[in-house]
C-alpha atoms as a PDB file:
ATOM      1  CA  MET A   1      85.949 110.857  67.754  1.00  0.00           C
ATOM      2  CA  ILE A   2      84.715 114.446  68.242  1.00  0.00           C
ATOM      3  CA  THR A   3      83.304 116.379  65.280  1.00  0.00           C
ATOM      4  CA  LYS A   4      84.226 120.064  64.880  1.00  0.00           C
ATOM      5  CA  LEU A   5      81.381 122.571  64.730  1.00  0.00           C
ATOM      6  CA  ASP A   6      82.077 124.150  61.336  1.00  0.00           C
ATOM      7  CA  ALA A   7      78.543 125.153  60.348  1.00  0.00           C
ATOM      8  CA  PRO A   8      75.554 126.205  62.469  1.00  0.00           C
ATOM      9  CA  LEU A   9      73.392 123.346  63.691  1.00  0.00           C
ATOM     10  CA  LYS A  10      69.642 124.070  63.977  1.00  0.00           C
ATOM     11  CA  ARG A  11      67.123 122.048  65.946  1.00  0.00           C
ATOM     12  CA  GLU A  12      63.455 122.573  66.782  1.00  0.00           C
ATOM     13  CA  LEU A  13      62.190 121.974  70.309  1.00  0.00           C
ATOM     14  CA  ARG A  14      59.044 122.529  72.357  1.00  0.00           C
ATOM     15  CA  ILE A  15      59.182 124.332  75.694  1.00  0.00           C
ATOM     16  CA  LEU A  16      55.984 124.749  77.734  1.00  0.00           C
ATOM     17  CA  GLY A  17      53.837 124.166  74.650  1.00  0.00           C
ATOM     18  CA  GLN A  18      55.675 126.677  72.412  1.00  0.00           C
ATOM     19  CA  THR A  19      57.966 125.802  69.514  1.00  0.00           C
ATOM     20  CA  TYR A  20      61.502 127.248  69.491  1.00  0.00           C
ATOM     21  CA  THR A  21      64.509 127.042  67.194  1.00  0.00           C
ATOM     22  CA  LEU A  22      67.869 126.338  68.816  1.00  0.00           C
ATOM     23  CA  THR A  23      70.937 127.265  66.759  1.00  0.00           C
ATOM     24  CA  ILE A  24      74.312 126.009  67.932  1.00  0.00           C
ATOM     25  CA  SER A  25      77.299 127.642  66.236  1.00  0.00           C
ATOM     26  CA  ALA A  26      80.996 128.156  66.876  1.00  0.00           C
ATOM     27  CA  ASP A  27      80.091 131.502  68.538  1.00  0.00           C
ATOM     28  CA  GLY A  28      77.476 130.144  70.955  1.00  0.00           C
ATOM     29  CA  LEU A  29      73.792 129.277  71.360  1.00  0.00           C
ATOM     30  CA  HIS A  30      70.775 131.162  70.021  1.00  0.00           C
ATOM     31  CA  LEU A  31      67.233 130.281  71.122  1.00  0.00           C
ATOM     32  CA  ALA A  32      64.299 132.045  69.460  1.00  0.00           C
ATOM     33  CA  PRO A  33      60.586 131.379  68.975  1.00  0.00           C
ATOM     34  CA  LYS A  34      60.062 129.521  65.715  1.00  0.00           C
ATOM     35  CA  GLY A  35      59.729 131.922  62.787  1.00  0.00           C
ATOM     36  CA  ARG A  36      61.371 134.799  64.666  1.00  0.00           C
ATOM     37  CA  ARG A  37      64.901 136.188  64.544  1.00  0.00           C
ATOM     38  CA  LYS A  38      65.099 137.820  67.938  1.00  0.00           C
ATOM     39  CA  GLY A  39      65.663 135.585  70.916  1.00  0.00           C
ATOM     40  CA  GLN A  40      68.106 134.721  73.668  1.00  0.00           C
ATOM     41  CA  GLU A  41      71.780 134.436  72.799  1.00  0.00           C
ATOM     42  CA  LEU A  42      74.575 132.964  74.882  1.00  0.00           C
ATOM     43  CA  ARG A  43      78.178 133.177  73.724  1.00  0.00           C
ATOM     44  CA  TRP A  44      80.601 130.395  74.629  1.00  0.00           C
ATOM     45  CA  ALA A  45      83.126 132.941  75.969  1.00  0.00           C
ATOM     46  CA  ASP A  46      80.489 134.346  78.375  1.00  0.00           C
ATOM     47  CA  LEU A  47      79.594 130.868  79.546  1.00  0.00           C
ATOM     48  CA  VAL A  48      83.220 129.944  80.252  1.00  0.00           C
ATOM     49  CA  SER A  49      84.098 133.265  81.951  1.00  0.00           C
ATOM     50  CA  GLY A  50      81.049 133.204  84.242  1.00  0.00           C
ATOM     51  CA  ASP A  51      79.395 136.309  82.753  1.00  0.00           C
ATOM     52  CA  ALA A  52      76.406 134.197  81.697  1.00  0.00           C
ATOM     53  CA  ALA A  53      75.818 133.065  85.285  1.00  0.00           C
ATOM     54  CA  LEU A  54      75.921 136.680  86.460  1.00  0.00           C
ATOM     55  CA  ALA A  55      73.369 137.771  83.841  1.00  0.00           C
ATOM     56  CA  THR A  56      71.100 134.847  84.742  1.00  0.00           C
ATOM     57  CA  ALA A  57      71.255 135.727  88.437  1.00  0.00           C
ATOM     58  CA  LEU A  58      70.442 139.378  87.703  1.00  0.00           C
ATOM     59  CA  ASN A  59      67.493 138.434  85.500  1.00  0.00           C
ATOM     60  CA  ALA A  60      66.156 136.074  88.199  1.00  0.00           C
ATOM     61  CA  SER A  61      66.519 138.814  90.805  1.00  0.00           C
ATOM     62  CA  LEU A  62      64.629 141.301  88.641  1.00  0.00           C
ATOM     63  CA  ALA A  63      61.877 138.754  87.946  1.00  0.00           C
ATOM     64  CA  ARG A  64      61.377 138.239  91.701  1.00  0.00           C
ATOM     65  CA  ALA A  65      61.206 142.009  92.208  1.00  0.00           C
ATOM     66  CA  GLY A  66      58.522 142.285  89.513  1.00  0.00           C
ATOM     67  CA  ALA A  67      60.611 144.339  87.068  1.00  0.00           C
ATOM     68  CA  PRO A  68      59.171 144.172  83.539  1.00  0.00           C
ATOM     69  CA  HIS A  69      62.495 144.313  81.650  1.00  0.00           C
ATOM     70  CA  ARG A  70      65.244 141.732  81.333  1.00  0.00           C
ATOM     71  CA  LEU A  71      68.950 142.456  81.102  1.00  0.00           C
ATOM     72  CA  PRO A  72      70.822 141.201  78.032  1.00  0.00           C
ATOM     73  CA  ALA A  73      73.285 138.341  78.462  1.00  0.00           C
ATOM     74  CA  ARG A  74      75.933 140.545  76.865  1.00  0.00           C
ATOM     75  CA  ALA A  75      76.348 144.217  76.076  1.00  0.00           C
ATOM     76  CA  PRO A  76      74.398 145.239  72.970  1.00  0.00           C
ATOM     77  CA  ALA A  77      76.347 146.266  69.896  1.00  0.00           C
ATOM     78  CA  GLY A  78      76.130 149.861  68.790  1.00  0.00           C
ATOM     79  CA  ASN A  79      76.472 153.125  70.618  1.00  0.00           C
ATOM     80  CA  ALA A  80      77.931 152.730  74.091  1.00  0.00           C
ATOM     81  CA  ALA A  81      76.527 154.266  77.277  1.00  0.00           C
ATOM     82  CA  GLY A  82      73.658 156.034  75.517  1.00  0.00           C
ATOM     83  CA  LYS A  83      75.849 158.343  73.450  1.00  0.00           C
ATOM     84  CA  ALA A  84      74.190 160.101  70.553  1.00  0.00           C
ATOM     85  CA  LYS A  85      74.610 158.444  67.187  1.00  0.00           C
ATOM     86  CA  HIS A  86      75.508 161.713  65.454  1.00  0.00           C
ATOM     87  CA  ALA A  87      77.402 164.700  66.785  1.00  0.00           C
ATOM     88  CA  PRO A  88      75.205 167.791  67.070  1.00  0.00           C
ATOM     89  CA  ARG A  89      75.657 170.415  64.371  1.00  0.00           C
ATOM     90  CA  ALA A  90      77.351 173.666  65.200  1.00  0.00           C
ATOM     91  CA  ALA A  91      74.818 176.436  65.688  1.00  0.00           C
ATOM     92  CA  THR A  92      74.990 179.016  62.938  1.00  0.00           C
ATOM     93  CA  THR A  93      73.016 182.181  63.250  1.00  0.00           C
ATOM     94  CA  ARG A  94      72.288 184.824  60.707  1.00  0.00           C
ATOM     95  CA  SER A  95      74.377 187.405  62.573  1.00  0.00           C
ATOM     96  CA  ARG A  96      77.417 185.124  62.557  1.00  0.00           C
ATOM     97  CA  ARG A  97      77.188 184.567  58.831  1.00  0.00           C
ATOM     98  CA  LYS A  98      76.868 188.259  58.020  1.00  0.00           C
ATOM     99  CA  GLY A  99      79.862 189.281  60.072  1.00  0.00           C
ATOM    100  CA  GLY A 100      78.354 190.053  63.501  1.00  0.00           C
ATOM    101  CA  ARG A 101      75.213 191.954  62.482  1.00  0.00           C
END
């Protein structure tokens, strides 16, 4: 019988001498250094669609090229394509407020 994954399942593991926390949930996997929140996340939908394999291949390619940054496994939430968070204010000048003076 297969058990449904209703609540997140957390396990501790050691990789290359460092301790990590692996969280398995209905959304996907999350691996982070123990005591930290930020880590690597892999969604089940990305794994099934092949997007995870593409991100892994890109990260491996960048590592071979000596690039210091890694690409995320999925697009980050928030503002898209570097758009500003707030629209710029309309410029008001003293002459506009006083009727063109």
